[in-house]
Amino acid sequence: MLLMALGLWGNDLQDTRAQPPAAQKTAPNKEMTKDDAVRLGEEFGIVVEEVDEGIRKELNLQRIEGVAVLEVIGNSQADYAGIKVKSVIKEIDKVEVKNLIDFGKALKRAMPQCNFTVGTYETADPSDPVGWGVNFHFVGCKRD
């Protein structure tokens, strides 16, 4: 145990103290709510909202699907991963995200792992005829 405490042994062992606080707090069998999903998003470093008709029109999306990023909190995991404002999260660690509940469940599963991916649709250069691009962001553990 002393070697583990000194960081000389067991680097591959998962330390629950390294987990984000929201991932530690959420009870495993608790039903995910939209408020829980929003709190997990903020813990991850983004302010999000479920895509609705207004967001669909503003971002020129084809479907009302996914979770829109309204704000990225500086020096957060999301910020370091390169997630951008006005992007739409479509998947987390290979799990499709259609709404806030999907987002919360997927993020809750992914955050304790530390290393996961977030798939987003992001606006491309305005002169780009396609208009949107798919990006995958690698999220690593934030270390002090």
N, C-alpha and C. Protein backbone atom coordinates (compact mmCIF):
# COMPACT_ATOMS: atom_id res chain seq x y z
N MET A 1 0.82 -1.20 0.00
CA MET A 1 0.00 0.00 0.00
C MET A 1 0.86 1.27 0.00
N LEU A 2 1.98 1.22 0.74
CA LEU A 2 2.85 2.37 0.78
C LEU A 2 3.39 2.70 -0.61
N LEU A 3 3.75 1.66 -1.37
CA LEU A 3 4.24 1.89 -2.73
C LEU A 3 3.17 2.52 -3.60
N MET A 4 1.91 2.07 -3.42
CA MET A 4 0.81 2.65 -4.19
C MET A 4 0.62 4.12 -3.81
N ALA A 5 0.70 4.42 -2.51
CA ALA A 5 0.52 5.80 -2.05
C ALA A 5 1.61 6.71 -2.61
N LEU A 6 2.80 6.17 -2.77
CA LEU A 6 3.90 6.96 -3.32
C LEU A 6 3.88 7.02 -4.84
N GLY A 7 2.94 6.30 -5.45
CA GLY A 7 2.83 6.31 -6.91
C GLY A 7 3.86 5.43 -7.58
N LEU A 8 4.44 4.51 -6.84
CA LEU A 8 5.47 3.65 -7.39
C LEU A 8 4.94 2.30 -7.82
N TRP A 9 3.68 2.05 -7.60
CA TRP A 9 3.11 0.75 -7.90
C TRP A 9 1.65 0.93 -8.31
N GLY A 10 1.19 0.15 -9.26
CA GLY A 10 -0.25 0.11 -9.58
C GLY A 10 -0.75 1.30 -10.37
N ASN A 11 0.06 1.85 -11.25
CA ASN A 11 -0.42 2.97 -12.07
C ASN A 11 -1.59 2.58 -12.94
N ASP A 12 -1.72 1.27 -13.21
CA ASP A 12 -2.83 0.83 -14.05
C ASP A 12 -4.10 0.60 -13.24
N LEU A 13 -4.02 0.69 -11.91
CA LEU A 13 -5.20 0.51 -11.08
C LEU A 13 -6.00 1.80 -11.06
N GLN A 14 -7.32 1.64 -11.09
CA GLN A 14 -8.17 2.82 -11.11
C GLN A 14 -8.33 3.36 -9.70
N ASP A 15 -8.05 4.63 -9.50
CA ASP A 15 -8.18 5.28 -8.21
C ASP A 15 -9.45 6.11 -8.24
N THR A 16 -10.41 5.78 -7.37
CA THR A 16 -11.68 6.48 -7.39
C THR A 16 -11.52 7.95 -7.05
N ARG A 17 -10.44 8.33 -6.35
CA ARG A 17 -10.23 9.74 -6.04
C ARG A 17 -9.93 10.53 -7.30
N ALA A 18 -9.47 9.88 -8.37
CA ALA A 18 -9.16 10.57 -9.62
C ALA A 18 -10.41 10.79 -10.46
N GLN A 19 -11.53 10.17 -10.06
CA GLN A 19 -12.76 10.31 -10.82
C GLN A 19 -13.34 11.70 -10.60
N PRO A 20 -14.00 12.24 -11.62
CA PRO A 20 -14.68 13.52 -11.45
C PRO A 20 -15.74 13.40 -10.36
N PRO A 21 -15.94 14.45 -9.54
CA PRO A 21 -16.89 14.39 -8.43
C PRO A 21 -18.29 13.97 -8.83
N ALA A 22 -18.80 14.43 -9.99
CA ALA A 22 -20.15 14.06 -10.40
C ALA A 22 -20.27 12.57 -10.64
N ALA A 23 -19.22 11.96 -11.17
CA ALA A 23 -19.24 10.53 -11.43
C ALA A 23 -19.23 9.76 -10.12
N GLN A 24 -18.63 10.32 -9.06
CA GLN A 24 -18.60 9.66 -7.77
C GLN A 24 -19.94 9.80 -7.07
N LYS A 25 -20.61 10.94 -7.22
CA LYS A 25 -21.82 11.25 -6.47
C LYS A 25 -23.06 10.52 -6.96
N THR A 26 -23.20 10.31 -8.26
CA THR A 26 -24.42 9.78 -8.83
C THR A 26 -24.57 8.31 -8.46
N ALA A 27 -25.68 7.97 -7.83
CA ALA A 27 -25.94 6.59 -7.43
C ALA A 27 -26.10 5.71 -8.67
N PRO A 28 -25.56 4.48 -8.66
CA PRO A 28 -25.56 3.65 -9.86
C PRO A 28 -26.95 3.30 -10.37
N ASN A 29 -27.93 3.13 -9.50
CA ASN A 29 -29.28 2.72 -9.94
C ASN A 29 -30.26 3.88 -10.01
N LYS A 30 -29.80 5.09 -9.75
CA LYS A 30 -30.68 6.24 -9.80
C LYS A 30 -31.08 6.54 -11.24
N GLU A 31 -32.33 6.83 -11.45
CA GLU A 31 -32.83 7.19 -12.78
C GLU A 31 -32.24 8.54 -13.20
N MET A 32 -31.71 8.61 -14.42
CA MET A 32 -31.12 9.85 -14.93
C MET A 32 -32.23 10.85 -15.22
N THR A 33 -32.06 12.08 -14.77
CA THR A 33 -33.00 13.16 -15.09
C THR A 33 -32.28 14.18 -15.97
N LYS A 34 -33.05 15.08 -16.57
CA LYS A 34 -32.44 16.14 -17.38
C LYS A 34 -31.55 17.03 -16.52
N ASP A 35 -31.98 17.32 -15.29
CA ASP A 35 -31.16 18.13 -14.39
C ASP A 35 -29.85 17.43 -14.05
N ASP A 36 -29.91 16.11 -13.82
CA ASP A 36 -28.68 15.35 -13.56
C ASP A 36 -27.74 15.44 -14.75
N ALA A 37 -28.30 15.31 -15.95
CA ALA A 37 -27.50 15.35 -17.18
C ALA A 37 -26.82 16.71 -17.34
N VAL A 38 -27.56 17.77 -17.05
CA VAL A 38 -27.00 19.12 -17.15
C VAL A 38 -25.87 19.29 -16.14
N ARG A 39 -26.05 18.80 -14.90
CA ARG A 39 -25.01 18.89 -13.87
C ARG A 39 -23.75 18.10 -14.28
N LEU A 40 -23.95 16.90 -14.84
CA LEU A 40 -22.81 16.12 -15.31
C LEU A 40 -22.07 16.86 -16.43
N GLY A 41 -22.84 17.48 -17.33
CA GLY A 41 -22.23 18.27 -18.39
C GLY A 41 -21.39 19.40 -17.84
N GLU A 42 -21.89 20.09 -16.82
CA GLU A 42 -21.14 21.18 -16.21
C GLU A 42 -19.89 20.66 -15.52
N GLU A 43 -19.99 19.50 -14.88
CA GLU A 43 -18.82 18.90 -14.24
C GLU A 43 -17.76 18.55 -15.29
N PHE A 44 -18.22 18.13 -16.45
CA PHE A 44 -17.34 17.81 -17.57
C PHE A 44 -16.75 19.08 -18.20
N GLY A 45 -17.51 20.17 -18.10
CA GLY A 45 -16.99 21.45 -18.60
C GLY A 45 -17.81 22.08 -19.71
N ILE A 46 -19.06 21.68 -19.86
CA ILE A 46 -19.90 22.29 -20.89
C ILE A 46 -21.30 22.57 -20.34
N VAL A 47 -21.87 23.64 -20.85
CA VAL A 47 -23.28 23.95 -20.59
C VAL A 47 -24.02 23.49 -21.82
N VAL A 48 -25.02 22.63 -21.62
CA VAL A 48 -25.69 22.00 -22.76
C VAL A 48 -27.21 22.20 -22.68
N GLU A 49 -27.83 21.99 -23.82
CA GLU A 49 -29.28 22.01 -23.92
C GLU A 49 -29.68 21.01 -25.00
N GLU A 50 -30.78 20.34 -24.75
CA GLU A 50 -31.29 19.39 -25.74
C GLU A 50 -31.65 20.15 -27.02
N VAL A 51 -31.33 19.59 -28.16
CA VAL A 51 -31.68 20.23 -29.43
C VAL A 51 -33.20 20.24 -29.55
N ASP A 52 -33.75 21.43 -29.77
CA ASP A 52 -35.19 21.59 -30.00
C ASP A 52 -35.36 22.28 -31.35
N GLU A 53 -36.57 22.64 -31.67
CA GLU A 53 -36.84 23.24 -32.98
C GLU A 53 -36.08 24.56 -33.17
N GLY A 54 -36.00 25.37 -32.11
CA GLY A 54 -35.29 26.64 -32.21
C GLY A 54 -33.81 26.45 -32.47
N ILE A 55 -33.19 25.52 -31.75
CA ILE A 55 -31.77 25.23 -31.95
C ILE A 55 -31.56 24.61 -33.32
N ARG A 56 -32.48 23.72 -33.72
CA ARG A 56 -32.37 23.10 -35.04
C ARG A 56 -32.32 24.17 -36.13
N LYS A 57 -33.22 25.15 -36.03
CA LYS A 57 -33.25 26.22 -37.03
C LYS A 57 -32.00 27.11 -36.96
N GLU A 58 -31.60 27.49 -35.74
CA GLU A 58 -30.44 28.37 -35.57
C GLU A 58 -29.16 27.74 -36.12
N LEU A 59 -29.00 26.44 -35.88
CA LEU A 59 -27.78 25.76 -36.32
C LEU A 59 -27.94 25.10 -37.69
N ASN A 60 -29.14 25.26 -38.28
CA ASN A 60 -29.41 24.71 -39.61
C ASN A 60 -29.21 23.19 -39.64
N LEU A 61 -29.78 22.52 -38.63
CA LEU A 61 -29.68 21.06 -38.54
C LEU A 61 -30.84 20.42 -39.30
N GLN A 62 -30.65 19.20 -39.74
CA GLN A 62 -31.71 18.48 -40.44
C GLN A 62 -32.72 17.87 -39.47
N ARG A 63 -32.25 17.47 -38.29
CA ARG A 63 -33.12 16.77 -37.32
C ARG A 63 -33.04 17.40 -35.94
N ILE A 64 -34.10 17.20 -35.18
CA ILE A 64 -34.10 17.59 -33.77
C ILE A 64 -33.54 16.40 -33.01
N GLU A 65 -32.20 16.40 -32.88
CA GLU A 65 -31.54 15.26 -32.27
C GLU A 65 -30.17 15.67 -31.77
N GLY A 66 -29.80 15.19 -30.59
CA GLY A 66 -28.50 15.49 -30.02
C GLY A 66 -28.58 16.52 -28.91
N VAL A 67 -27.42 16.94 -28.44
CA VAL A 67 -27.31 17.91 -27.36
C VAL A 67 -26.39 19.03 -27.82
N ALA A 68 -26.90 20.25 -27.78
CA ALA A 68 -26.15 21.42 -28.24
C ALA A 68 -25.27 21.96 -27.12
N VAL A 69 -24.04 22.34 -27.47
CA VAL A 69 -23.11 22.94 -26.52
C VAL A 69 -23.30 24.46 -26.56
N LEU A 70 -23.76 25.02 -25.44
CA LEU A 70 -24.00 26.46 -25.36
C LEU A 70 -22.79 27.22 -24.84
N GLU A 71 -22.00 26.55 -24.00
CA GLU A 71 -20.82 27.19 -23.41
C GLU A 71 -19.79 26.12 -23.05
N VAL A 72 -18.53 26.46 -23.22
CA VAL A 72 -17.44 25.58 -22.80
C VAL A 72 -16.71 26.28 -21.66
N ILE A 73 -16.58 25.60 -20.54
CA ILE A 73 -15.94 26.16 -19.36
C ILE A 73 -14.42 26.01 -19.51
N GLY A 74 -13.72 27.11 -19.37
CA GLY A 74 -12.26 27.11 -19.55
C GLY A 74 -11.53 26.18 -18.60
N ASN A 75 -10.45 25.60 -19.07
CA ASN A 75 -9.60 24.69 -18.30
C ASN A 75 -10.34 23.46 -17.80
N SER A 76 -11.33 23.02 -18.52
CA SER A 76 -12.09 21.82 -18.16
C SER A 76 -11.70 20.68 -19.10
N GLN A 77 -12.15 19.48 -18.79
CA GLN A 77 -11.89 18.34 -19.68
C GLN A 77 -12.43 18.62 -21.08
N ALA A 78 -13.63 19.19 -21.15
CA ALA A 78 -14.24 19.49 -22.46
C ALA A 78 -13.40 20.51 -23.23
N ASP A 79 -12.91 21.52 -22.53
CA ASP A 79 -12.08 22.54 -23.15
C ASP A 79 -10.79 21.92 -23.68
N TYR A 80 -10.12 21.12 -22.87
CA TYR A 80 -8.88 20.47 -23.30
C TYR A 80 -9.11 19.51 -24.47
N ALA A 81 -10.31 18.92 -24.53
CA ALA A 81 -10.62 18.00 -25.63
C ALA A 81 -10.95 18.74 -26.93
N GLY A 82 -11.16 20.05 -26.85
CA GLY A 82 -11.42 20.84 -28.05
C GLY A 82 -12.88 20.92 -28.45
N ILE A 83 -13.78 20.64 -27.53
CA ILE A 83 -15.21 20.75 -27.84
C ILE A 83 -15.55 22.23 -27.95
N LYS A 84 -16.38 22.57 -28.95
CA LYS A 84 -16.65 23.97 -29.26
C LYS A 84 -18.10 24.35 -29.01
N VAL A 85 -18.29 25.64 -28.73
CA VAL A 85 -19.64 26.20 -28.62
C VAL A 85 -20.34 26.04 -29.96
N LYS A 86 -21.62 25.76 -29.94
CA LYS A 86 -22.49 25.54 -31.10
C LYS A 86 -22.25 24.19 -31.77
N SER A 87 -21.45 23.33 -31.15
CA SER A 87 -21.35 21.98 -31.69
C SER A 87 -22.50 21.16 -31.11
N VAL A 88 -22.80 20.05 -31.75
CA VAL A 88 -23.88 19.17 -31.30
C VAL A 88 -23.27 17.82 -30.98
N ILE A 89 -23.44 17.40 -29.73
CA ILE A 89 -22.90 16.10 -29.31
C ILE A 89 -23.83 15.01 -29.79
N LYS A 90 -23.26 14.07 -30.55
CA LYS A 90 -24.03 12.97 -31.12
C LYS A 90 -23.66 11.62 -30.53
N GLU A 91 -22.47 11.53 -29.91
CA GLU A 91 -22.10 10.26 -29.28
C GLU A 91 -21.04 10.49 -28.23
N ILE A 92 -21.06 9.62 -27.23
CA ILE A 92 -20.04 9.62 -26.18
C ILE A 92 -19.58 8.19 -26.03
N ASP A 93 -18.30 7.98 -26.25
CA ASP A 93 -17.68 6.66 -26.12
C ASP A 93 -18.48 5.58 -26.87
N LYS A 94 -18.80 5.88 -28.12
CA LYS A 94 -19.50 4.98 -29.04
C LYS A 94 -20.96 4.71 -28.66
N VAL A 95 -21.54 5.55 -27.79
CA VAL A 95 -22.95 5.43 -27.42
C VAL A 95 -23.68 6.63 -28.02
N GLU A 96 -24.69 6.36 -28.82
CA GLU A 96 -25.43 7.43 -29.50
C GLU A 96 -26.15 8.33 -28.50
N VAL A 97 -26.12 9.64 -28.76
CA VAL A 97 -26.77 10.63 -27.92
C VAL A 97 -27.87 11.30 -28.75
N LYS A 98 -29.13 11.03 -28.39
CA LYS A 98 -30.26 11.64 -29.09
C LYS A 98 -30.90 12.76 -28.29
N ASN A 99 -30.69 12.74 -26.95
CA ASN A 99 -31.33 13.72 -26.08
C ASN A 99 -30.51 13.87 -24.79
N LEU A 100 -31.00 14.71 -23.88
CA LEU A 100 -30.26 14.96 -22.63
C LEU A 100 -30.12 13.71 -21.77
N ILE A 101 -31.13 12.87 -21.72
CA ILE A 101 -31.07 11.65 -20.91
C ILE A 101 -29.98 10.73 -21.45
N ASP A 102 -29.95 10.53 -22.78
CA ASP A 102 -28.88 9.72 -23.39
C ASP A 102 -27.51 10.31 -23.06
N PHE A 103 -27.41 11.64 -23.18
CA PHE A 103 -26.17 12.34 -22.88
C PHE A 103 -25.72 12.07 -21.44
N GLY A 104 -26.64 12.24 -20.50
CA GLY A 104 -26.31 12.04 -19.09
C GLY A 104 -25.88 10.62 -18.79
N LYS A 105 -26.62 9.64 -19.33
CA LYS A 105 -26.27 8.24 -19.09
C LYS A 105 -24.90 7.89 -19.68
N ALA A 106 -24.65 8.34 -20.89
CA ALA A 106 -23.37 8.03 -21.55
C ALA A 106 -22.22 8.72 -20.84
N LEU A 107 -22.41 9.97 -20.44
CA LEU A 107 -21.35 10.71 -19.76
C LEU A 107 -21.08 10.10 -18.38
N LYS A 108 -22.12 9.69 -17.70
CA LYS A 108 -21.97 9.06 -16.38
C LYS A 108 -21.13 7.78 -16.49
N ARG A 109 -21.36 6.99 -17.55
CA ARG A 109 -20.57 5.77 -17.76
C ARG A 109 -19.14 6.09 -18.16
N ALA A 110 -18.94 7.14 -18.95
CA ALA A 110 -17.62 7.43 -19.50
C ALA A 110 -16.70 8.15 -18.52
N MET A 111 -17.21 9.06 -17.73
CA MET A 111 -16.35 9.90 -16.89
C MET A 111 -15.45 9.12 -15.93
N PRO A 112 -15.91 8.06 -15.30
CA PRO A 112 -14.99 7.32 -14.41
C PRO A 112 -13.83 6.65 -15.16
N GLN A 113 -14.02 6.37 -16.45
CA GLN A 113 -12.96 5.74 -17.24
C GLN A 113 -11.84 6.72 -17.57
N CYS A 114 -12.13 7.98 -17.53
CA CYS A 114 -11.19 9.06 -17.85
C CYS A 114 -10.89 9.18 -19.34
N ASN A 115 -10.55 8.11 -20.02
CA ASN A 115 -10.20 8.19 -21.43
C ASN A 115 -11.38 7.73 -22.27
N PHE A 116 -11.99 8.68 -22.99
CA PHE A 116 -13.13 8.35 -23.84
C PHE A 116 -13.22 9.36 -24.98
N THR A 117 -14.12 9.12 -25.91
CA THR A 117 -14.28 10.03 -27.05
C THR A 117 -15.67 10.66 -27.02
N VAL A 118 -15.74 11.85 -27.59
CA VAL A 118 -17.01 12.56 -27.76
C VAL A 118 -17.11 12.90 -29.25
N GLY A 119 -18.18 12.42 -29.89
CA GLY A 119 -18.40 12.72 -31.30
C GLY A 119 -19.34 13.90 -31.44
N THR A 120 -18.92 14.89 -32.22
CA THR A 120 -19.73 16.10 -32.40
C THR A 120 -19.89 16.43 -33.88
N TYR A 121 -20.98 17.14 -34.17
CA TYR A 121 -21.14 17.84 -35.44
C TYR A 121 -20.74 19.28 -35.16
N GLU A 122 -19.91 19.83 -36.01
CA GLU A 122 -19.48 21.22 -35.82
C GLU A 122 -19.58 21.96 -37.13
N THR A 123 -19.90 23.24 -37.02
CA THR A 123 -19.97 24.05 -38.23
C THR A 123 -18.60 24.14 -38.85
N ALA A 124 -18.57 24.05 -40.14
CA ALA A 124 -17.32 24.18 -40.89
C ALA A 124 -17.15 25.63 -41.30
N ASP A 125 -16.13 25.90 -42.04
CA ASP A 125 -15.88 27.22 -42.59
C ASP A 125 -17.12 27.67 -43.36
N PRO A 126 -17.58 28.92 -43.18
CA PRO A 126 -18.78 29.39 -43.88
C PRO A 126 -18.71 29.24 -45.40
N SER A 127 -17.51 29.25 -45.96
CA SER A 127 -17.39 29.10 -47.41
C SER A 127 -17.43 27.63 -47.83
N ASP A 128 -17.43 26.72 -46.87
CA ASP A 128 -17.47 25.28 -47.17
C ASP A 128 -18.89 24.90 -47.61
N PRO A 129 -19.06 24.31 -48.79
CA PRO A 129 -20.40 23.98 -49.28
C PRO A 129 -21.08 22.90 -48.45
N VAL A 130 -20.32 22.05 -47.78
CA VAL A 130 -20.93 21.00 -46.97
C VAL A 130 -21.53 21.60 -45.71
N GLY A 131 -20.84 22.52 -45.08
CA GLY A 131 -21.39 23.25 -43.95
C GLY A 131 -21.13 22.64 -42.58
N TRP A 132 -21.08 21.33 -42.46
CA TRP A 132 -20.91 20.68 -41.16
C TRP A 132 -19.83 19.62 -41.28
N GLY A 133 -19.16 19.38 -40.18
CA GLY A 133 -18.16 18.33 -40.14
C GLY A 133 -18.32 17.50 -38.88
N VAL A 134 -17.95 16.25 -38.95
CA VAL A 134 -17.99 15.37 -37.80
C VAL A 134 -16.61 15.33 -37.19
N ASN A 135 -16.54 15.53 -35.89
CA ASN A 135 -15.26 15.49 -35.18
C ASN A 135 -15.36 14.55 -33.99
N PHE A 136 -14.25 13.89 -33.70
CA PHE A 136 -14.17 13.04 -32.52
C PHE A 136 -13.10 13.64 -31.62
N HIS A 137 -13.49 13.89 -30.38
CA HIS A 137 -12.61 14.52 -29.41
C HIS A 137 -12.19 13.48 -28.37
N PHE A 138 -10.87 13.36 -28.16
CA PHE A 138 -10.38 12.46 -27.13
C PHE A 138 -10.36 13.20 -25.80
N VAL A 139 -10.94 12.57 -24.78
CA VAL A 139 -10.98 13.16 -23.45
C VAL A 139 -10.09 12.32 -22.55
N GLY A 140 -9.06 12.93 -22.03
CA GLY A 140 -8.17 12.26 -21.09
C GLY A 140 -8.40 12.74 -19.68
N CYS A 141 -7.83 12.06 -18.73
CA CYS A 141 -7.96 12.47 -17.33
C CYS A 141 -7.25 13.80 -17.13
N LYS A 142 -7.91 14.68 -16.41
CA LYS A 142 -7.29 15.95 -16.06
C LYS A 142 -6.46 15.73 -14.80
N ARG A 143 -5.20 15.97 -14.89
CA ARG A 143 -4.29 15.77 -13.76
C ARG A 143 -3.81 17.12 -13.26
N ASP A 144 -3.64 17.23 -11.97
CA ASP A 144 -3.11 18.48 -11.38
C ASP A 144 -1.63 18.59 -11.59
